[in-house]
Protein backbone atom coordinates (compact mmCIF):
# COMPACT_ATOMS: atom_id res chain seq x y z
CA MET A 1 129.86 13.12 -161.66
CA LEU A 2 127.58 12.86 -164.67
CA SER A 3 125.83 9.78 -163.29
CA HIS A 4 125.19 11.64 -160.04
CA LEU A 5 123.49 14.46 -161.94
CA ARG A 6 121.36 11.96 -163.85
CA ARG A 7 120.18 10.39 -160.59
CA LEU A 8 119.22 13.82 -159.26
CA ALA A 9 117.19 14.51 -162.40
CA GLN A 10 115.34 11.22 -162.04
CA ALA A 11 114.58 11.89 -158.37
CA ASP A 12 113.03 15.22 -159.37
CA ARG A 13 110.61 13.46 -161.71
CA GLY A 14 109.26 11.40 -158.83
CA ALA A 15 108.65 14.51 -156.76
CA THR A 16 106.92 16.19 -159.67
CA SER A 17 104.54 13.29 -160.18
CA ILE A 18 103.66 13.35 -156.49
CA GLU A 19 102.93 17.06 -156.71
CA TYR A 20 100.68 16.54 -159.73
CA THR A 21 98.86 13.77 -157.88
CA LEU A 22 98.27 16.04 -154.90
CA ILE A 23 96.98 18.83 -157.12
CA ALA A 24 94.64 16.45 -158.94
CA SER A 25 93.28 15.09 -155.67
CA LEU A 26 92.64 18.60 -154.33
CA ILE A 27 90.78 19.50 -157.53
CA ALA A 28 88.71 16.32 -157.21
CA ILE A 29 87.81 17.12 -153.60
CA ALA A 30 86.80 20.66 -154.54
CA ALA A 31 84.68 19.38 -157.44
CA ILE A 32 82.90 16.86 -155.22
CA ALA A 33 82.16 19.53 -152.62
CA ALA A 34 80.80 21.87 -155.29
CA MET A 35 78.62 19.15 -156.79
CA ARG A 36 77.17 18.26 -153.39
CA THR A 37 76.30 21.91 -152.74
CA VAL A 38 74.69 22.34 -156.14
CA GLY A 39 72.84 19.03 -155.74
CA THR A 40 71.39 20.08 -152.40
CA SER A 41 70.28 23.44 -153.77
CA LEU A 42 68.80 21.86 -156.87
CA ASN A 43 66.92 19.33 -154.77
CA ALA A 44 65.37 22.14 -152.73
CA VAL A 45 64.31 24.04 -155.85
CA LEU A 46 62.78 20.97 -157.49
CA SER A 47 60.94 20.11 -154.28
CA ASN A 48 59.43 23.61 -154.23
CA VAL A 49 58.36 23.22 -157.86
CA ALA A 50 56.80 19.82 -157.15
CA ASN A 51 54.91 21.20 -154.13
CA SER A 52 53.64 24.14 -156.18
CA LEU A 53 52.39 21.86 -158.95
CA GLY A 54 50.90 19.16 -156.78
């Protein structure tokens, strides 16, 4: 009985690591999307500044 409980505890660790991996990947996707949006906006602003100066 005790060995069965130990196996269940170990199986839970695998599920937890998968959940953490999914959370980390979602955070990475959100960060990439945010950086692309900011990069596009920044490019537009710097282009306006360059056109005003030149």
